[in-house]
């Protein structure tokens, strides 16, 4: 069994922080129609191929293929884990993080393997 960040809280955090506001803290964005363009921070380039789509809350670089949402952007830029990036955004928005305990099949499988391993070890 493991703990996960509550899905509703995660969605609220994603919606509360404007992706343009966050990314413009790192890059110089230029509005081009519905999109914003910039030089990609993840690879060297001379022509902007990094596109931000504010309506969808996503970014994508057509040069290196990197893309994602505001959380994955922070993870890449600041070398953060998912939990650290979410906590950083939650702090900036004033949203209290809530965790839920969920039984995922993989977690259950690992717990069962560990239990069987202990039982097998007791025989040897």
PDB file of N, CA and C in Angstrom:
ATOM      1  N   UNK A   1       0.844  -1.177   0.000  1.00  0.00           N
ATOM      2  CA  UNK A   1       0.000   0.000   0.000  1.00  0.00           C
ATOM      3  C   UNK A   1       0.886   1.236   0.000  1.00  0.00           C
ATOM      4  N   UNK A   2       0.476   2.243  -0.748  1.00  0.00           N
ATOM      5  CA  UNK A   2       1.255   3.455  -0.823  1.00  0.00           C
ATOM      6  C   UNK A   2       0.369   4.680  -0.718  1.00  0.00           C
ATOM      7  N   UNK A   3       1.007   5.801  -0.556  1.00  0.00           N
ATOM      8  CA  UNK A   3       0.284   7.057  -0.469  1.00  0.00           C
ATOM      9  C   UNK A   3       0.493   7.823  -1.759  1.00  0.00           C
ATOM     10  N   UNK A   4      -0.587   8.435  -2.236  1.00  0.00           N
ATOM     11  CA  UNK A   4      -0.521   9.241  -3.437  1.00  0.00           C
ATOM     12  C   UNK A   4      -1.147  10.588  -3.160  1.00  0.00           C
ATOM     13  N   UNK A   5      -0.715  11.577  -3.940  1.00  0.00           N
ATOM     14  CA  UNK A   5      -1.320  12.893  -3.838  1.00  0.00           C
ATOM     15  C   UNK A   5      -2.738  12.779  -4.372  1.00  0.00           C
ATOM     16  N   UNK A   6      -3.680  13.304  -3.628  1.00  0.00           N
ATOM     17  CA  UNK A   6      -5.085  13.256  -4.009  1.00  0.00           C
ATOM     18  C   UNK A   6      -5.272  13.832  -5.411  1.00  0.00           C
ATOM     19  N   UNK A   7      -5.943  13.088  -6.285  1.00  0.00           N
ATOM     20  CA  UNK A   7      -6.121  13.464  -7.700  1.00  0.00           C
ATOM     21  C   UNK A   7      -6.801  14.827  -7.857  1.00  0.00           C
ATOM     22  N   UNK A   8      -7.826  15.111  -7.051  1.00  0.00           N
ATOM     23  CA  UNK A   8      -8.533  16.392  -7.150  1.00  0.00           C
ATOM     24  C   UNK A   8      -7.613  17.554  -6.788  1.00  0.00           C
ATOM     25  N   UNK A   9      -6.790  17.358  -5.772  1.00  0.00           N
ATOM     26  CA  UNK A   9      -5.839  18.393  -5.361  1.00  0.00           C
ATOM     27  C   UNK A   9      -4.818  18.616  -6.469  1.00  0.00           C
ATOM     28  N   UNK A  10      -4.353  17.541  -7.070  1.00  0.00           N
ATOM     29  CA  UNK A  10      -3.394  17.634  -8.169  1.00  0.00           C
ATOM     30  C   UNK A  10      -3.979  18.426  -9.336  1.00  0.00           C
ATOM     31  N   UNK A  11      -5.226  18.166  -9.680  1.00  0.00           N
ATOM     32  CA  UNK A  11      -5.890  18.910 -10.759  1.00  0.00           C
ATOM     33  C   UNK A  11      -6.044  20.381 -10.398  1.00  0.00           C
ATOM     34  N   UNK A  12      -6.377  20.667  -9.142  1.00  0.00           N
ATOM     35  CA  UNK A  12      -6.503  22.066  -8.700  1.00  0.00           C
ATOM     36  C   UNK A  12      -5.176  22.797  -8.794  1.00  0.00           C
ATOM     37  N   UNK A  13      -4.093  22.126  -8.437  1.00  0.00           N
ATOM     38  CA  UNK A  13      -2.764  22.742  -8.509  1.00  0.00           C
ATOM     39  C   UNK A  13      -2.408  23.044  -9.959  1.00  0.00           C
ATOM     40  N   UNK A  14      -2.660  22.084 -10.852  1.00  0.00           N
ATOM     41  CA  UNK A  14      -2.370  22.297 -12.278  1.00  0.00           C
ATOM     42  C   UNK A  14      -3.158  23.479 -12.834  1.00  0.00           C
ATOM     43  N   UNK A  15      -4.407  23.593 -12.443  1.00  0.00           N
ATOM     44  CA  UNK A  15      -5.268  24.657 -12.954  1.00  0.00           C
ATOM     45  C   UNK A  15      -4.966  26.007 -12.312  1.00  0.00           C
ATOM     46  N   UNK A  16      -4.514  26.003 -11.068  1.00  0.00           N
ATOM     47  CA  UNK A  16      -4.292  27.246 -10.336  1.00  0.00           C
ATOM     48  C   UNK A  16      -3.062  28.003 -10.818  1.00  0.00           C
ATOM     49  N   UNK A  17      -2.082  27.292 -11.302  1.00  0.00           N
ATOM     50  CA  UNK A  17      -0.854  27.943 -11.750  1.00  0.00           C
ATOM     51  C   UNK A  17      -0.847  28.033 -13.270  1.00  0.00           C
ATOM     52  N   UNK A  18      -0.902  29.245 -13.776  1.00  0.00           N
ATOM     53  CA  UNK A  18      -0.864  29.481 -15.211  1.00  0.00           C
ATOM     54  C   UNK A  18       0.499  29.056 -15.751  1.00  0.00           C
ATOM     55  N   UNK A  19       0.484  28.188 -16.740  1.00  0.00           N
ATOM     56  CA  UNK A  19       1.735  27.667 -17.295  1.00  0.00           C
ATOM     57  C   UNK A  19       2.591  28.790 -17.881  1.00  0.00           C
ATOM     58  N   UNK A  20       1.954  29.814 -18.436  1.00  0.00           N
ATOM     59  CA  UNK A  20       2.696  30.953 -18.990  1.00  0.00           C
ATOM     60  C   UNK A  20       3.432  31.682 -17.872  1.00  0.00           C
ATOM     61  N   UNK A  21       2.763  31.875 -16.756  1.00  0.00           N
ATOM     62  CA  UNK A  21       3.371  32.556 -15.608  1.00  0.00           C
ATOM     63  C   UNK A  21       4.605  31.804 -15.112  1.00  0.00           C
ATOM     64  N   UNK A  22       4.493  30.492 -15.004  1.00  0.00           N
ATOM     65  CA  UNK A  22       5.609  29.683 -14.508  1.00  0.00           C
ATOM     66  C   UNK A  22       6.759  29.669 -15.510  1.00  0.00           C
ATOM     67  N   UNK A  23       6.465  29.338 -16.770  1.00  0.00           N
ATOM     68  CA  UNK A  23       7.528  29.209 -17.769  1.00  0.00           C
ATOM     69  C   UNK A  23       8.194  30.550 -18.055  1.00  0.00           C
ATOM     70  N   UNK A  24       7.429  31.645 -18.027  1.00  0.00           N
ATOM     71  CA  UNK A  24       8.033  32.956 -18.289  1.00  0.00           C
ATOM     72  C   UNK A  24       8.996  33.367 -17.179  1.00  0.00           C
ATOM     73  N   UNK A  25       8.946  32.696 -16.050  1.00  0.00           N
ATOM     74  CA  UNK A  25       9.936  32.923 -15.002  1.00  0.00           C
ATOM     75  C   UNK A  25      11.298  32.341 -15.359  1.00  0.00           C
ATOM     76  N   UNK A  26      11.331  31.483 -16.364  1.00  0.00           N
ATOM     77  CA  UNK A  26      12.567  30.834 -16.804  1.00  0.00           C
ATOM     78  C   UNK A  26      12.984  31.232 -18.217  1.00  0.00           C
ATOM     79  N   UNK A  27      11.994  31.517 -19.065  1.00  0.00           N
ATOM     80  CA  UNK A  27      12.264  31.783 -20.477  1.00  0.00           C
ATOM     81  C   UNK A  27      11.605  33.085 -20.919  1.00  0.00           C
ATOM     82  N   UNK A  28      12.118  33.650 -21.996  1.00  0.00           N
ATOM     83  CA  UNK A  28      11.486  34.810 -22.612  1.00  0.00           C
ATOM     84  C   UNK A  28      10.509  34.288 -23.660  1.00  0.00           C
ATOM     85  N   UNK A  29       9.226  34.398 -23.354  1.00  0.00           N
ATOM     86  CA  UNK A  29       8.190  33.898 -24.248  1.00  0.00           C
ATOM     87  C   UNK A  29       7.689  35.013 -25.159  1.00  0.00           C
ATOM     88  N   UNK A  30       7.424  34.655 -26.413  1.00  0.00           N
ATOM     89  CA  UNK A  30       6.878  35.603 -27.381  1.00  0.00           C
ATOM     90  C   UNK A  30       5.544  35.053 -27.869  1.00  0.00           C
ATOM     91  N   UNK A  31       4.484  35.876 -27.736  1.00  0.00           N
ATOM     92  CA  UNK A  31       3.156  35.442 -28.164  1.00  0.00           C
ATOM     93  C   UNK A  31       3.100  35.402 -29.685  1.00  0.00           C
ATOM     94  N   UNK A  32       2.625  34.268 -30.203  1.00  0.00           N
ATOM     95  CA  UNK A  32       2.466  34.069 -31.640  1.00  0.00           C
ATOM     96  C   UNK A  32       1.098  33.428 -31.852  1.00  0.00           C
ATOM     97  N   UNK A  33       0.089  34.247 -32.122  1.00  0.00           N
ATOM     98  CA  UNK A  33      -1.270  33.720 -32.256  1.00  0.00           C
ATOM     99  C   UNK A  33      -1.768  33.189 -30.931  1.00  0.00           C
ATOM    100  N   UNK A  34      -2.217  31.934 -30.923  1.00  0.00           N
ATOM    101  CA  UNK A  34      -2.715  31.307 -29.692  1.00  0.00           C
ATOM    102  C   UNK A  34      -1.591  30.758 -28.831  1.00  0.00           C
ATOM    103  N   UNK A  35      -0.404  30.700 -29.366  1.00  0.00           N
ATOM    104  CA  UNK A  35       0.719  30.041 -28.708  1.00  0.00           C
ATOM    105  C   UNK A  35       1.769  31.046 -28.250  1.00  0.00           C
ATOM    106  N   UNK A  36       2.693  30.533 -27.465  1.00  0.00           N
ATOM    107  CA  UNK A  36       3.871  31.295 -27.063  1.00  0.00           C
ATOM    108  C   UNK A  36       5.086  30.496 -27.506  1.00  0.00           C
ATOM    109  N   UNK A  37       6.108  31.198 -27.987  1.00  0.00           N
ATOM    110  CA  UNK A  37       7.327  30.544 -28.464  1.00  0.00           C
ATOM    111  C   UNK A  37       8.520  31.002 -27.645  1.00  0.00           C
ATOM    112  N   UNK A  38       9.527  30.137 -27.599  1.00  0.00           N
ATOM    113  CA  UNK A  38      10.785  30.473 -26.927  1.00  0.00           C
ATOM    114  C   UNK A  38      11.867  29.527 -27.424  1.00  0.00           C
ATOM    115  N   UNK A  39      13.102  29.889 -27.117  1.00  0.00           N
ATOM    116  CA  UNK A  39      14.204  28.961 -27.356  1.00  0.00           C
ATOM    117  C   UNK A  39      14.102  27.862 -26.306  1.00  0.00           C
ATOM    118  N   UNK A  40      14.271  26.645 -26.722  1.00  0.00           N
ATOM    119  CA  UNK A  40      14.132  25.515 -25.806  1.00  0.00           C
ATOM    120  C   UNK A  40      15.271  25.502 -24.785  1.00  0.00           C
ATOM    121  N   UNK A  41      14.933  25.368 -23.501  1.00  0.00           N
ATOM    122  CA  UNK A  41      15.972  25.309 -22.470  1.00  0.00           C
ATOM    123  C   UNK A  41      16.616  23.928 -22.350  1.00  0.00           C
ATOM    124  N   UNK A  42      16.075  22.948 -23.072  1.00  0.00           N
ATOM    125  CA  UNK A  42      16.540  21.576 -22.926  1.00  0.00           C
ATOM    126  C   UNK A  42      17.518  21.141 -24.006  1.00  0.00           C
ATOM    127  N   UNK A  43      17.717  21.979 -25.022  1.00  0.00           N
ATOM    128  CA  UNK A  43      18.735  21.714 -26.038  1.00  0.00           C
ATOM    129  C   UNK A  43      19.151  23.039 -26.666  1.00  0.00           C
ATOM    130  N   UNK A  44      20.280  23.029 -27.341  1.00  0.00           N
ATOM    131  CA  UNK A  44      20.811  24.237 -27.964  1.00  0.00           C
ATOM    132  C   UNK A  44      20.125  24.470 -29.306  1.00  0.00           C
ATOM    133  N   UNK A  45      19.658  25.692 -29.525  1.00  0.00           N
ATOM    134  CA  UNK A  45      19.025  26.035 -30.799  1.00  0.00           C
ATOM    135  C   UNK A  45      19.096  27.537 -31.032  1.00  0.00           C
ATOM    136  N   UNK A  46      18.956  27.933 -32.291  1.00  0.00           N
ATOM    137  CA  UNK A  46      18.970  29.350 -32.656  1.00  0.00           C
ATOM    138  C   UNK A  46      17.585  29.853 -33.037  1.00  0.00           C
ATOM    139  N   UNK A  47      16.723  28.948 -33.486  1.00  0.00           N
ATOM    140  CA  UNK A  47      15.358  29.297 -33.876  1.00  0.00           C
ATOM    141  C   UNK A  47      14.388  28.689 -32.866  1.00  0.00           C
ATOM    142  N   UNK A  48      13.470  29.488 -32.320  1.00  0.00           N
ATOM    143  CA  UNK A  48      12.545  28.964 -31.310  1.00  0.00           C
ATOM    144  C   UNK A  48      11.705  27.793 -31.817  1.00  0.00           C
ATOM    145  N   UNK A  49      11.767  26.692 -31.089  1.00  0.00           N
ATOM    146  CA  UNK A  49      10.936  25.532 -31.412  1.00  0.00           C
ATOM    147  C   UNK A  49      10.154  25.063 -30.182  1.00  0.00           C
ATOM    148  N   UNK A  50      10.280  25.803 -29.094  1.00  0.00           N
ATOM    149  CA  UNK A  50       9.602  25.499 -27.835  1.00  0.00           C
ATOM    150  C   UNK A  50       8.267  26.244 -27.841  1.00  0.00           C
ATOM    151  N   UNK A  51       7.166  25.514 -27.827  1.00  0.00           N
ATOM    152  CA  UNK A  51       5.827  26.093 -27.935  1.00  0.00           C
ATOM    153  C   UNK A  51       5.034  25.813 -26.656  1.00  0.00           C
ATOM    154  N   UNK A  52       4.349  26.840 -26.163  1.00  0.00           N
ATOM    155  CA  UNK A  52       3.474  26.693 -24.999  1.00  0.00           C
ATOM    156  C   UNK A  52       2.039  26.949 -25.460  1.00  0.00           C
ATOM    157  N   UNK A  53       1.145  26.037 -25.102  1.00  0.00           N
ATOM    158  CA  UNK A  53      -0.274  26.168 -25.434  1.00  0.00           C
ATOM    159  C   UNK A  53      -1.034  26.409 -24.132  1.00  0.00           C
ATOM    160  N   UNK A  54      -1.333  27.690 -23.827  1.00  0.00           N
ATOM    161  CA  UNK A  54      -1.940  27.998 -22.531  1.00  0.00           C
ATOM    162  C   UNK A  54      -3.321  27.381 -22.317  1.00  0.00           C
ATOM    163  N   UNK A  55      -4.135  27.257 -23.381  1.00  0.00           N
ATOM    164  CA  UNK A  55      -5.480  26.695 -23.210  1.00  0.00           C
ATOM    165  C   UNK A  55      -5.426  25.259 -22.700  1.00  0.00           C
ATOM    166  N   UNK A  56      -4.423  24.531 -23.130  1.00  0.00           N
ATOM    167  CA  UNK A  56      -4.281  23.135 -22.716  1.00  0.00           C
ATOM    168  C   UNK A  56      -3.343  22.979 -21.518  1.00  0.00           C
ATOM    169  N   UNK A  57      -2.590  24.040 -21.202  1.00  0.00           N
ATOM    170  CA  UNK A  57      -1.658  23.979 -20.079  1.00  0.00           C
ATOM    171  C   UNK A  57      -0.466  23.077 -20.345  1.00  0.00           C
ATOM    172  N   UNK A  58      -0.008  23.050 -21.613  1.00  0.00           N
ATOM    173  CA  UNK A  58       1.100  22.167 -21.981  1.00  0.00           C
ATOM    174  C   UNK A  58       2.173  22.920 -22.751  1.00  0.00           C
ATOM    175  N   UNK A  59       3.355  22.294 -22.823  1.00  0.00           N
ATOM    176  CA  UNK A  59       4.444  22.796 -23.658  1.00  0.00           C
ATOM    177  C   UNK A  59       4.959  21.641 -24.496  1.00  0.00           C
ATOM    178  N   UNK A  60       5.603  21.992 -25.608  1.00  0.00           N
ATOM    179  CA  UNK A  60       6.219  20.973 -26.461  1.00  0.00           C
ATOM    180  C   UNK A  60       7.344  21.623 -27.249  1.00  0.00           C
ATOM    181  N   UNK A  61       8.465  20.932 -27.333  1.00  0.00           N
ATOM    182  CA  UNK A  61       9.571  21.384 -28.169  1.00  0.00           C
ATOM    183  C   UNK A  61       9.597  20.510 -29.416  1.00  0.00           C
ATOM    184  N   UNK A  62       9.490  21.157 -30.562  1.00  0.00           N
ATOM    185  CA  UNK A  62       9.516  20.423 -31.820  1.00  0.00           C
ATOM    186  C   UNK A  62      10.940  20.096 -32.247  1.00  0.00           C
ATOM    187  N   UNK A  63      11.924  20.611 -31.525  1.00  0.00           N
ATOM    188  CA  UNK A  63      13.321  20.301 -31.816  1.00  0.00           C
ATOM    189  C   UNK A  63      13.789  19.026 -31.145  1.00  0.00           C
ATOM    190  N   UNK A  64      13.510  18.905 -29.847  1.00  0.00           N
ATOM    191  CA  UNK A  64      13.998  17.737 -29.101  1.00  0.00           C
ATOM    192  C   UNK A  64      12.881  16.794 -28.665  1.00  0.00           C
ATOM    193  N   UNK A  65      11.622  17.215 -28.838  1.00  0.00           N
ATOM    194  CA  UNK A  65      10.501  16.342 -28.506  1.00  0.00           C
ATOM    195  C   UNK A  65      10.054  16.388 -27.060  1.00  0.00           C
ATOM    196  N   UNK A  66      10.698  17.187 -26.235  1.00  0.00           N
ATOM    197  CA  UNK A  66      10.312  17.292 -24.832  1.00  0.00           C
ATOM    198  C   UNK A  66       8.973  18.011 -24.725  1.00  0.00           C
ATOM    199  N   UNK A  67       8.122  17.530 -23.844  1.00  0.00           N
ATOM    200  CA  UNK A  67       6.831  18.174 -23.653  1.00  0.00           C
ATOM    201  C   UNK A  67       6.220  17.760 -22.340  1.00  0.00           C
ATOM    202  N   UNK A  68       5.131  18.415 -21.986  1.00  0.00           N
ATOM    203  CA  UNK A  68       4.439  18.068 -20.758  1.00  0.00           C
ATOM    204  C   UNK A  68       3.631  19.222 -20.225  1.00  0.00           C
ATOM    205  N   UNK A  69       3.349  19.168 -18.925  1.00  0.00           N
ATOM    206  CA  UNK A  69       2.578  20.213 -18.271  1.00  0.00           C
ATOM    207  C   UNK A  69       3.487  21.025 -17.351  1.00  0.00           C
ATOM    208  N   UNK A  70       2.882  21.868 -16.541  1.00  0.00           N
ATOM    209  CA  UNK A  70       3.655  22.752 -15.669  1.00  0.00           C
ATOM    210  C   UNK A  70       4.490  21.953 -14.661  1.00  0.00           C
ATOM    211  N   UNK A  71       3.978  20.811 -14.234  1.00  0.00           N
ATOM    212  CA  UNK A  71       4.711  19.988 -13.265  1.00  0.00           C
ATOM    213  C   UNK A  71       5.953  19.386 -13.907  1.00  0.00           C
ATOM    214  N   UNK A  72       5.791  18.818 -15.091  1.00  0.00           N
ATOM    215  CA  UNK A  72       6.955  18.213 -15.757  1.00  0.00           C
ATOM    216  C   UNK A  72       7.977  19.268 -16.166  1.00  0.00           C
ATOM    217  N   UNK A  73       7.512  20.483 -16.471  1.00  0.00           N
ATOM    218  CA  UNK A  73       8.452  21.565 -16.784  1.00  0.00           C
ATOM    219  C   UNK A  73       9.321  21.870 -15.565  1.00  0.00           C
ATOM    220  N   UNK A  74       8.694  22.028 -14.410  1.00  0.00           N
ATOM    221  CA  UNK A  74       9.459  22.295 -13.182  1.00  0.00           C
ATOM    222  C   UNK A  74      10.397  21.146 -12.842  1.00  0.00           C
ATOM    223  N   UNK A  75       9.937  19.930 -13.060  1.00  0.00           N
ATOM    224  CA  UNK A  75      10.787  18.771 -12.789  1.00  0.00           C
ATOM    225  C   UNK A  75      12.063  18.847 -13.618  1.00  0.00           C
ATOM    226  N   UNK A  76      11.945  19.171 -14.894  1.00  0.00           N
ATOM    227  CA  UNK A  76      13.111  19.240 -15.785  1.00  0.00           C
ATOM    228  C   UNK A  76      13.994  20.446 -15.462  1.00  0.00           C
ATOM    229  N   UNK A  77      13.388  21.599 -15.262  1.00  0.00           N
ATOM    230  CA  UNK A  77      14.162  22.826 -15.055  1.00  0.00           C
ATOM    231  C   UNK A  77      14.891  22.846 -13.716  1.00  0.00           C
ATOM    232  N   UNK A  78      14.255  22.332 -12.685  1.00  0.00           N
ATOM    233  CA  UNK A  78      14.819  22.404 -11.333  1.00  0.00           C
ATOM    234  C   UNK A  78      15.382  21.072 -10.847  1.00  0.00           C
ATOM    235  N   UNK A  79      15.362  20.050 -11.698  1.00  0.00           N
ATOM    236  CA  UNK A  79      15.804  18.698 -11.320  1.00  0.00           C
ATOM    237  C   UNK A  79      15.075  18.219 -10.062  1.00  0.00           C
ATOM    238  N   UNK A  80      13.745  18.333 -10.093  1.00  0.00           N
ATOM    239  CA  UNK A  80      12.915  17.939  -8.963  1.00  0.00           C
ATOM    240  C   UNK A  80      12.233  16.608  -9.241  1.00  0.00           C
ATOM    241  N   UNK A  81      11.855  15.930  -8.180  1.00  0.00           N
ATOM    242  CA  UNK A  81      10.998  14.759  -8.330  1.00  0.00           C
ATOM    243  C   UNK A  81       9.574  15.260  -8.559  1.00  0.00           C
ATOM    244  N   UNK A  82       8.689  14.347  -8.930  1.00  0.00           N
ATOM    245  CA  UNK A  82       7.290  14.719  -9.124  1.00  0.00           C
ATOM    246  C   UNK A  82       6.718  15.331  -7.848  1.00  0.00           C
ATOM    247  N   UNK A  83       6.948  14.677  -6.725  1.00  0.00           N
ATOM    248  CA  UNK A  83       6.414  15.154  -5.442  1.00  0.00           C
ATOM    249  C   UNK A  83       6.960  16.526  -5.076  1.00  0.00           C
ATOM    250  N   UNK A  84       8.245  16.748  -5.322  1.00  0.00           N
ATOM    251  CA  UNK A  84       8.848  18.050  -5.020  1.00  0.00           C
ATOM    252  C   UNK A  84       8.262  19.152  -5.894  1.00  0.00           C
ATOM    253  N   UNK A  85       8.055  18.864  -7.174  1.00  0.00           N
ATOM    254  CA  UNK A  85       7.478  19.855  -8.086  1.00  0.00           C
ATOM    255  C   UNK A  85       6.046  20.189  -7.678  1.00  0.00           C
ATOM    256  N   UNK A  86       5.272  19.182  -7.327  1.00  0.00           N
ATOM    257  CA  UNK A  86       3.889  19.403  -6.891  1.00  0.00           C
ATOM    258  C   UNK A  86       3.874  20.211  -5.598  1.00  0.00           C
ATOM    259  N   UNK A  87       4.752  19.874  -4.659  1.00  0.00           N
ATOM    260  CA  UNK A  87       4.816  20.603  -3.391  1.00  0.00           C
ATOM    261  C   UNK A  87       5.193  22.063  -3.623  1.00  0.00           C
ATOM    262  N   UNK A  88       6.120  22.316  -4.544  1.00  0.00           N
ATOM    263  CA  UNK A  88       6.526  23.681  -4.868  1.00  0.00           C
ATOM    264  C   UNK A  88       5.356  24.483  -5.428  1.00  0.00           C
ATOM    265  N   UNK A  89       4.624  23.899  -6.363  1.00  0.00           N
ATOM    266  CA  UNK A  89       3.463  24.580  -6.940  1.00  0.00           C
ATOM    267  C   UNK A  89       2.358  24.772  -5.909  1.00  0.00           C
ATOM    268  N   UNK A  90       2.151  23.782  -5.054  1.00  0.00           N
ATOM    269  CA  UNK A  90       1.122  23.887  -4.015  1.00  0.00           C
ATOM    270  C   UNK A  90       1.447  25.029  -3.059  1.00  0.00           C
ATOM    271  N   UNK A  91       2.707  25.157  -2.716  1.00  0.00           N
ATOM    272  CA  UNK A  91       3.127  26.229  -1.813  1.00  0.00           C
ATOM    273  C   UNK A  91       2.876  27.593  -2.446  1.00  0.00           C
ATOM    274  N   UNK A  92       3.186  27.720  -3.741  1.00  0.00           N
ATOM    275  CA  UNK A  92       2.983  28.994  -4.443  1.00  0.00           C
ATOM    276  C   UNK A  92       1.510  29.353  -4.566  1.00  0.00           C
ATOM    277  N   UNK A  93       0.641  28.361  -4.617  1.00  0.00           N
ATOM    278  CA  UNK A  93      -0.794  28.611  -4.769  1.00  0.00           C
ATOM    279  C   UNK A  93      -1.537  28.637  -3.444  1.00  0.00           C
ATOM    280  N   UNK A  94      -0.888  28.189  -2.383  1.00  0.00           N
ATOM    281  CA  UNK A  94      -1.546  28.151  -1.082  1.00  0.00           C
ATOM    282  C   UNK A  94      -2.497  26.977  -0.928  1.00  0.00           C
ATOM    283  N   UNK A  95      -2.336  25.961  -1.782  1.00  0.00           N
ATOM    284  CA  UNK A  95      -3.186  24.773  -1.714  1.00  0.00           C
ATOM    285  C   UNK A  95      -2.532  23.747  -0.795  1.00  0.00           C
ATOM    286  N   UNK A  96      -3.325  23.235   0.150  1.00  0.00           N
ATOM    287  CA  UNK A  96      -2.834  22.227   1.085  1.00  0.00           C
ATOM    288  C   UNK A  96      -2.806  20.869   0.394  1.00  0.00           C
ATOM    289  N   UNK A  97      -1.668  20.197   0.425  1.00  0.00           N
ATOM    290  CA  UNK A  97      -1.566  18.873  -0.180  1.00  0.00           C
ATOM    291  C   UNK A  97      -2.307  17.851   0.667  1.00  0.00           C
ATOM    292  N   UNK A  98      -3.020  16.971  -0.015  1.00  0.00           N
ATOM    293  CA  UNK A  98      -3.715  15.872   0.648  1.00  0.00           C
ATOM    294  C   UNK A  98      -3.281  14.583  -0.022  1.00  0.00           C
ATOM    295  N   UNK A  99      -3.076  13.574   0.789  1.00  0.00           N
ATOM    296  CA  UNK A  99      -2.635  12.286   0.271  1.00  0.00           C
ATOM    297  C   UNK A  99      -3.723  11.251   0.501  1.00  0.00           C
ATOM    298  N   UNK A 100      -3.836  10.335  -0.436  1.00  0.00           N
ATOM    299  CA  UNK A 100      -4.794   9.240  -0.279  1.00  0.00           C
ATOM    300  C   UNK A 100      -4.033   7.929  -0.335  1.00  0.00           C
ATOM    301  N   UNK A 101      -4.525   6.992   0.420  1.00  0.00           N
ATOM    302  CA  UNK A 101      -3.887   5.678   0.443  1.00  0.00           C
ATOM    303  C   UNK A 101      -4.613   4.802  -0.564  1.00  0.00           C
ATOM    304  N   UNK A 102      -3.863   4.314  -1.524  1.00  0.00           N
ATOM    305  CA  UNK A 102      -4.470   3.511  -2.571  1.00  0.00           C
ATOM    306  C   UNK A 102      -3.718   2.202  -2.724  1.00  0.00           C
ATOM    307  N   UNK A 103      -4.469   1.168  -2.976  1.00  0.00           N
ATOM    308  CA  UNK A 103      -3.883  -0.139  -3.243  1.00  0.00           C
ATOM    309  C   UNK A 103      -3.789  -0.323  -4.747  1.00  0.00           C
ATOM    310  N   UNK A 104      -2.589  -0.227  -5.259  1.00  0.00           N
ATOM    311  CA  UNK A 104      -2.363  -0.442  -6.683  1.00  0.00           C
ATOM    312  C   UNK A 104      -1.920  -1.882  -6.888  1.00  0.00           C
ATOM    313  N   UNK A 105      -2.291  -2.475  -8.009  1.00  0.00           N
ATOM    314  CA  UNK A 105      -1.904  -3.864  -8.269  1.00  0.00           C
ATOM    315  C   UNK A 105      -0.395  -4.091  -8.160  1.00  0.00           C
ATOM    316  N   UNK A 106       0.409  -3.153  -8.666  1.00  0.00           N
ATOM    317  CA  UNK A 106       1.860  -3.325  -8.602  1.00  0.00           C
ATOM    318  C   UNK A 106       2.341  -3.300  -7.156  1.00  0.00           C
ATOM    319  N   UNK A 107       1.778  -2.407  -6.355  1.00  0.00           N
ATOM    320  CA  UNK A 107       2.163  -2.324  -4.946  1.00  0.00           C
ATOM    321  C   UNK A 107       1.772  -3.600  -4.215  1.00  0.00           C
ATOM    322  N   UNK A 108       0.583  -4.103  -4.494  1.00  0.00           N
ATOM    323  CA  UNK A 108       0.137  -5.351  -3.878  1.00  0.00           C
ATOM    324  C   UNK A 108       1.031  -6.510  -4.302  1.00  0.00           C
ATOM    325  N   UNK A 109       1.401  -6.538  -5.576  1.00  0.00           N
ATOM    326  CA  UNK A 109       2.263  -7.589  -6.103  1.00  0.00           C
ATOM    327  C   UNK A 109       3.624  -7.568  -5.408  1.00  0.00           C
ATOM    328  N   UNK A 110       4.197  -6.385  -5.256  1.00  0.00           N
ATOM    329  CA  UNK A 110       5.502  -6.271  -4.588  1.00  0.00           C
ATOM    330  C   UNK A 110       5.419  -6.693  -3.124  1.00  0.00           C
ATOM    331  N   UNK A 111       4.346  -6.301  -2.461  1.00  0.00           N
ATOM    332  CA  UNK A 111       4.171  -6.683  -1.056  1.00  0.00           C
ATOM    333  C   UNK A 111       4.064  -8.197  -0.926  1.00  0.00           C
ATOM    334  N   UNK A 112       3.349  -8.817  -1.845  1.00  0.00           N
ATOM    335  CA  UNK A 112       3.202 -10.275  -1.823  1.00  0.00           C
ATOM    336  C   UNK A 112       4.537 -10.955  -2.099  1.00  0.00           C
ATOM    337  N   UNK A 113       5.308 -10.438  -3.057  1.00  0.00           N
ATOM    338  CA  UNK A 113       6.633 -10.995  -3.346  1.00  0.00           C
ATOM    339  C   UNK A 113       7.550 -10.899  -2.136  1.00  0.00           C
ATOM    340  N   UNK A 114       7.502  -9.770  -1.458  1.00  0.00           N
ATOM    341  CA  UNK A 114       8.323  -9.584  -0.267  1.00  0.00           C
ATOM    342  C   UNK A 114       7.928 -10.589   0.814  1.00  0.00           C
ATOM    343  N   UNK A 115       6.640 -10.766   0.987  1.00  0.00           N
ATOM    344  CA  UNK A 115       6.147 -11.730   1.972  1.00  0.00           C
ATOM    345  C   UNK A 115       6.610 -13.146   1.623  1.00  0.00           C
ATOM    346  N   UNK A 116       6.497 -13.533   0.358  1.00  0.00           N
ATOM    347  CA  UNK A 116       6.942 -14.857  -0.076  1.00  0.00           C
ATOM    348  C   UNK A 116       8.450 -15.017   0.084  1.00  0.00           C
ATOM    349  N   UNK A 117       9.187 -13.953  -0.157  1.00  0.00           N
ATOM    350  CA  UNK A 117      10.641 -13.982  -0.007  1.00  0.00           C
ATOM    351  C   UNK A 117      11.020 -14.250   1.448  1.00  0.00           C
ATOM    352  N   UNK A 118      10.339 -13.583   2.377  1.00  0.00           N
ATOM    353  CA  UNK A 118      10.604 -13.813   3.798  1.00  0.00           C
ATOM    354  C   UNK A 118      10.277 -15.254   4.194  1.00  0.00           C
ATOM    355  N   UNK A 119       9.172 -15.766   3.676  1.00  0.00           N
ATOM    356  CA  UNK A 119       8.792 -17.146   3.986  1.00  0.00           C
ATOM    357  C   UNK A 119       9.821 -18.128   3.438  1.00  0.00           C
ATOM    358  N   UNK A 120      10.273 -17.895   2.213  1.00  0.00           N
ATOM    359  CA  UNK A 120      11.281 -18.778   1.610  1.00  0.00           C
ATOM    360  C   UNK A 120      12.593 -18.696   2.382  1.00  0.00           C
ATOM    361  N   UNK A 121      12.967 -17.505   2.816  1.00  0.00           N
ATOM    362  CA  UNK A 121      14.221 -17.321   3.546  1.00  0.00           C
ATOM    363  C   UNK A 121      14.186 -18.031   4.899  1.00  0.00           C
ATOM    364  N   UNK A 122      13.010 -18.164   5.482  1.00  0.00           N
ATOM    365  CA  UNK A 122      12.920 -18.818   6.789  1.00  0.00           C
ATOM    366  C   UNK A 122      13.207 -20.318   6.701  1.00  0.00           C
ATOM    367  N   UNK A 123      13.101 -20.889   5.505  1.00  0.00           N
ATOM    368  CA  UNK A 123      13.387 -22.312   5.315  1.00  0.00           C
ATOM    369  C   UNK A 123      14.871 -22.579   5.102  1.00  0.00           C
ATOM    370  N   UNK A 124      15.641 -21.570   4.778  1.00  0.00           N
ATOM    371  CA  UNK A 124      17.066 -21.785   4.452  1.00  0.00           C
ATOM    372  C   UNK A 124      17.991 -21.177   5.451  1.00  0.00           C
TER     373      UNK A 124
END
